[in-house]
Amino acid sequence: MLKISVKTFEELNTAELYDLLQLRSEIFVVEQDCVYQDLDGKDQKALHIIGTKNHRIVAYTRIFKAGDYLAQASIGRVVVKEGERQHGYGVAIVTASIKAVEEQFKETSIALSAQTYLKRFYNSLGFIEKGGEYLEDGIPHVMMVRG
C-alpha cells in the first residue's frame, strides 16, 4: 500500500530529502543514462508529493503553482522506483499530484513536460499533447496539459 504525503521543502527532514534526491538520481541520471543538473534550485518553491511503502520512498513528484516553474501550475520529476512499477504507483502519485495542485493552488489547468514514450500514460490521466516533440537533456519530450 502506498502512503502519500505532501510537504513543503521546509517540512522535509534530512533523511527524506536525501532519499528523494537519491531516487531521482537513480532513475533520471543512472537508469536513463542522462547527465543533467537535477538540483536546479526549484525544489525550495515546490510542494513535494511523496509516496512511501514500508517507510521507503518509492514514488515522487514535485508540483508548482502557476509562474513558479511554467506559466501554469505544473507537475515535474515524476518517478517510480524500478521494481515498484507494476503496482500502479505511477497512477497513484500523479493522481495525488493533480489533487494537490487543485487543492493547494486552486488550479485546474496543469502542465507537464512528459517523456514522449509516456504520452499514453498521461493521456489516460486526462493530459493532452500541446505542440511537437522536443529534446530535454537529450531525451524526447512533449508538453502536455490537463484541464
C-alpha atoms as a PDB file:
ATOM      1  CA  MET A   1       0.000   0.000   0.000  1.00  0.00           C
ATOM      2  CA  LEU A   2       1.344   3.399  -1.000  1.00  0.00           C
ATOM      3  CA  LYS A   3       1.155   6.137   1.621  1.00  0.00           C
ATOM      4  CA  ILE A   4       1.205   9.608   0.078  1.00  0.00           C
ATOM      5  CA  SER A   5       2.240  12.818   1.817  1.00  0.00           C
ATOM      6  CA  VAL A   6       2.517  16.411   0.614  1.00  0.00           C
ATOM      7  CA  LYS A   7       5.310  18.554   2.050  1.00  0.00           C
ATOM      8  CA  THR A   8       6.933  21.900   1.517  1.00  0.00           C
ATOM      9  CA  PHE A   9      10.704  21.978   1.193  1.00  0.00           C
ATOM     10  CA  GLU A  10      10.958  23.211   4.785  1.00  0.00           C
ATOM     11  CA  GLU A  11       8.844  20.303   6.034  1.00  0.00           C
ATOM     12  CA  LEU A  12      11.171  17.687   4.535  1.00  0.00           C
ATOM     13  CA  ASN A  13      13.547  16.157   7.053  1.00  0.00           C
ATOM     14  CA  THR A  14      17.136  15.424   6.094  1.00  0.00           C
ATOM     15  CA  ALA A  15      16.526  11.709   5.529  1.00  0.00           C
ATOM     16  CA  GLU A  16      13.504  12.372   3.285  1.00  0.00           C
ATOM     17  CA  LEU A  17      15.408  14.936   1.228  1.00  0.00           C
ATOM     18  CA  TYR A  18      18.344  12.553   0.827  1.00  0.00           C
ATOM     19  CA  ASP A  19      16.045   9.646  -0.134  1.00  0.00           C
ATOM     20  CA  LEU A  20      14.036  11.606  -2.708  1.00  0.00           C
ATOM     21  CA  LEU A  21      17.182  13.061  -4.292  1.00  0.00           C
ATOM     22  CA  GLN A  22      18.710   9.589  -4.359  1.00  0.00           C
ATOM     23  CA  LEU A  23      15.600   8.180  -6.096  1.00  0.00           C
ATOM     24  CA  ARG A  24      15.600  10.982  -8.667  1.00  0.00           C
ATOM     25  CA  SER A  25      19.295  10.413  -9.372  1.00  0.00           C
ATOM     26  CA  GLU A  26      18.828   6.626  -9.526  1.00  0.00           C
ATOM     27  CA  ILE A  27      16.175   6.945 -12.227  1.00  0.00           C
ATOM     28  CA  PHE A  28      16.865  10.148 -14.152  1.00  0.00           C
ATOM     29  CA  VAL A  29      20.670  10.020 -14.144  1.00  0.00           C
ATOM     30  CA  VAL A  30      21.705   6.366 -13.794  1.00  0.00           C
ATOM     31  CA  GLU A  31      18.807   4.320 -15.248  1.00  0.00           C
ATOM     32  CA  GLN A  32      18.173   6.751 -18.107  1.00  0.00           C
ATOM     33  CA  ASP A  33      21.913   7.352 -18.614  1.00  0.00           C
ATOM     34  CA  CYS A  34      21.393  11.121 -18.723  1.00  0.00           C
ATOM     35  CA  VAL A  35      23.889  13.539 -17.263  1.00  0.00           C
ATOM     36  CA  TYR A  36      21.986  16.649 -16.185  1.00  0.00           C
ATOM     37  CA  GLN A  37      21.700  19.038 -13.240  1.00  0.00           C
ATOM     38  CA  ASP A  38      18.845  17.640 -11.134  1.00  0.00           C
ATOM     39  CA  LEU A  39      19.475  20.101  -8.309  1.00  0.00           C
ATOM     40  CA  ASP A  40      18.077  23.077 -10.187  1.00  0.00           C
ATOM     41  CA  GLY A  41      17.227  25.472  -7.346  1.00  0.00           C
ATOM     42  CA  LYS A  42      13.493  24.900  -7.781  1.00  0.00           C
ATOM     43  CA  ASP A  43      12.888  22.355  -5.021  1.00  0.00           C
ATOM     44  CA  GLN A  44      12.541  25.171  -2.490  1.00  0.00           C
ATOM     45  CA  LYS A  45       9.487  26.565  -4.369  1.00  0.00           C
ATOM     46  CA  ALA A  46       7.865  23.176  -4.967  1.00  0.00           C
ATOM     47  CA  LEU A  47       5.450  21.080  -2.991  1.00  0.00           C
ATOM     48  CA  HIS A  48       6.805  17.543  -2.776  1.00  0.00           C
ATOM     49  CA  ILE A  49       4.416  14.640  -3.296  1.00  0.00           C
ATOM     50  CA  ILE A  50       5.994  11.595  -1.689  1.00  0.00           C
ATOM     51  CA  GLY A  51       4.819   8.009  -1.989  1.00  0.00           C
ATOM     52  CA  THR A  52       6.199   5.650   0.641  1.00  0.00           C
ATOM     53  CA  LYS A  53       5.942   1.920   1.064  1.00  0.00           C
ATOM     54  CA  ASN A  54       7.353   0.244   4.173  1.00  0.00           C
ATOM     55  CA  HIS A  55       8.884   3.611   5.165  1.00  0.00           C
ATOM     56  CA  ARG A  56      10.827   3.892   1.873  1.00  0.00           C
ATOM     57  CA  ILE A  57      10.200   6.463  -0.845  1.00  0.00           C
ATOM     58  CA  VAL A  58       9.138   4.546  -3.955  1.00  0.00           C
ATOM     59  CA  ALA A  59       7.240   7.262  -5.878  1.00  0.00           C
ATOM     60  CA  TYR A  60       7.620  11.021  -6.072  1.00  0.00           C
ATOM     61  CA  THR A  61       6.698  14.202  -7.908  1.00  0.00           C
ATOM     62  CA  ARG A  62       7.073  17.873  -7.270  1.00  0.00           C
ATOM     63  CA  ILE A  63       4.382  20.421  -8.092  1.00  0.00           C
ATOM     64  CA  PHE A  64       4.484  24.155  -8.715  1.00  0.00           C
ATOM     65  CA  LYS A  65       1.924  26.923  -8.671  1.00  0.00           C
ATOM     66  CA  ALA A  66       1.496  28.970 -11.842  1.00  0.00           C
ATOM     67  CA  GLY A  67       4.540  31.122 -12.538  1.00  0.00           C
ATOM     68  CA  ASP A  68       6.959  29.292 -10.235  1.00  0.00           C
ATOM     69  CA  TYR A  69       8.196  26.979 -12.997  1.00  0.00           C
ATOM     70  CA  LEU A  70       5.886  27.164 -16.015  1.00  0.00           C
ATOM     71  CA  ALA A  71       3.249  29.776 -16.843  1.00  0.00           C
ATOM     72  CA  GLN A  72       0.584  27.470 -15.402  1.00  0.00           C
ATOM     73  CA  ALA A  73       0.568  25.080 -12.465  1.00  0.00           C
ATOM     74  CA  SER A  74       2.770  22.091 -13.213  1.00  0.00           C
ATOM     75  CA  ILE A  75       3.916  18.633 -12.185  1.00  0.00           C
ATOM     76  CA  GLY A  76       7.507  17.511 -12.607  1.00  0.00           C
ATOM     77  CA  ARG A  77      10.131  14.943 -11.671  1.00  0.00           C
ATOM     78  CA  VAL A  78       7.572  12.130 -11.818  1.00  0.00           C
ATOM     79  CA  VAL A  79       9.360   8.985 -10.727  1.00  0.00           C
ATOM     80  CA  VAL A  80       8.586   5.458  -9.518  1.00  0.00           C
ATOM     81  CA  LYS A  81      11.346   3.210  -8.248  1.00  0.00           C
ATOM     82  CA  GLU A  82      12.309   0.369 -10.557  1.00  0.00           C
ATOM     83  CA  GLY A  83      10.852  -2.832  -9.164  1.00  0.00           C
ATOM     84  CA  GLU A  84       7.752  -0.989  -7.903  1.00  0.00           C
ATOM     85  CA  ARG A  85       6.281  -0.007 -11.282  1.00  0.00           C
ATOM     86  CA  GLN A  86       3.902  -2.946 -11.595  1.00  0.00           C
ATOM     87  CA  HIS A  87       1.754  -1.790  -8.646  1.00  0.00           C
ATOM     88  CA  GLY A  88       0.077   1.257 -10.221  1.00  0.00           C
ATOM     89  CA  TYR A  89       2.120   3.702  -8.168  1.00  0.00           C
ATOM     90  CA  GLY A  90       2.635   5.948 -11.206  1.00  0.00           C
ATOM     91  CA  VAL A  91      -1.117   6.477 -11.491  1.00  0.00           C
ATOM     92  CA  ALA A  92      -1.396   6.924  -7.717  1.00  0.00           C
ATOM     93  CA  ILE A  93       1.363   9.549  -7.444  1.00  0.00           C
ATOM     94  CA  VAL A  94       0.212  11.553 -10.482  1.00  0.00           C
ATOM     95  CA  THR A  95      -3.418  11.423  -9.320  1.00  0.00           C
ATOM     96  CA  ALA A  96      -2.313  12.639  -5.875  1.00  0.00           C
ATOM     97  CA  SER A  97      -0.292  15.391  -7.569  1.00  0.00           C
ATOM     98  CA  ILE A  98      -3.310  16.545  -9.604  1.00  0.00           C
ATOM     99  CA  LYS A  99      -5.400  16.608  -6.427  1.00  0.00           C
ATOM    100  CA  ALA A 100      -2.700  18.574  -4.581  1.00  0.00           C
ATOM    101  CA  VAL A 101      -2.488  21.168  -7.387  1.00  0.00           C
ATOM    102  CA  GLU A 102      -6.267  21.572  -7.307  1.00  0.00           C
ATOM    103  CA  GLU A 103      -6.475  21.793  -3.508  1.00  0.00           C
ATOM    104  CA  GLN A 104      -3.288  23.692  -2.663  1.00  0.00           C
ATOM    105  CA  PHE A 105      -3.144  26.080  -5.627  1.00  0.00           C
ATOM    106  CA  LYS A 106      -6.845  26.199  -6.590  1.00  0.00           C
ATOM    107  CA  GLU A 107      -5.829  25.444 -10.212  1.00  0.00           C
ATOM    108  CA  THR A 108      -7.443  23.032 -12.660  1.00  0.00           C
ATOM    109  CA  SER A 109      -5.148  23.610 -15.648  1.00  0.00           C
ATOM    110  CA  ILE A 110      -1.935  21.648 -15.136  1.00  0.00           C
ATOM    111  CA  ALA A 111       1.074  21.282 -17.447  1.00  0.00           C
ATOM    112  CA  LEU A 112       3.933  18.814 -17.529  1.00  0.00           C
ATOM    113  CA  SER A 113       6.870  18.023 -19.758  1.00  0.00           C
ATOM    114  CA  ALA A 114       6.448  14.304 -20.447  1.00  0.00           C
ATOM    115  CA  GLN A 115       8.977  11.918 -21.858  1.00  0.00           C
ATOM    116  CA  THR A 116       7.456  11.056 -25.228  1.00  0.00           C
ATOM    117  CA  TYR A 117       7.196   7.330 -24.538  1.00  0.00           C
ATOM    118  CA  LEU A 118       4.832   8.115 -21.635  1.00  0.00           C
ATOM    119  CA  LYS A 119       2.217  10.010 -23.708  1.00  0.00           C
ATOM    120  CA  ARG A 120      -0.390   7.234 -23.406  1.00  0.00           C
ATOM    121  CA  PHE A 121       0.130   7.034 -19.660  1.00  0.00           C
ATOM    122  CA  TYR A 122      -0.531  10.771 -19.271  1.00  0.00           C
ATOM    123  CA  ASN A 123      -3.395  10.665 -21.806  1.00  0.00           C
ATOM    124  CA  SER A 124      -5.070   8.109 -19.519  1.00  0.00           C
ATOM    125  CA  LEU A 125      -4.940  10.696 -16.722  1.00  0.00           C
ATOM    126  CA  GLY A 126      -6.525  13.459 -18.804  1.00  0.00           C
ATOM    127  CA  PHE A 127      -3.436  15.164 -20.249  1.00  0.00           C
ATOM    128  CA  ILE A 128      -3.265  16.055 -23.942  1.00  0.00           C
ATOM    129  CA  GLU A 129      -0.253  16.977 -26.061  1.00  0.00           C
ATOM    130  CA  LYS A 130       0.371  20.654 -26.801  1.00  0.00           C
ATOM    131  CA  GLY A 131       2.909  21.184 -29.543  1.00  0.00           C
ATOM    132  CA  GLY A 132       5.516  18.921 -31.012  1.00  0.00           C
ATOM    133  CA  GLU A 133       8.276  16.788 -29.646  1.00  0.00           C
ATOM    134  CA  TYR A 134      11.454  18.447 -28.335  1.00  0.00           C
ATOM    135  CA  LEU A 135      14.659  17.334 -26.658  1.00  0.00           C
ATOM    136  CA  GLU A 136      15.141  17.982 -22.967  1.00  0.00           C
ATOM    137  CA  ASP A 137      18.518  16.843 -21.655  1.00  0.00           C
ATOM    138  CA  GLY A 138      18.860  14.719 -24.805  1.00  0.00           C
ATOM    139  CA  ILE A 139      15.584  12.824 -24.191  1.00  0.00           C
ATOM    140  CA  PRO A 140      12.479  13.296 -26.411  1.00  0.00           C
ATOM    141  CA  HIS A 141       9.678  15.107 -24.542  1.00  0.00           C
ATOM    142  CA  VAL A 142       6.292  16.608 -25.304  1.00  0.00           C
ATOM    143  CA  MET A 143       4.404  19.338 -23.420  1.00  0.00           C
ATOM    144  CA  MET A 144       1.099  18.047 -22.059  1.00  0.00           C
ATOM    145  CA  VAL A 145      -1.779  19.891 -20.411  1.00  0.00           C
ATOM    146  CA  ARG A 146      -4.775  18.791 -18.369  1.00  0.00           C
ATOM    147  CA  GLY A 147      -7.850  20.938 -17.834  1.00  0.00           C
END
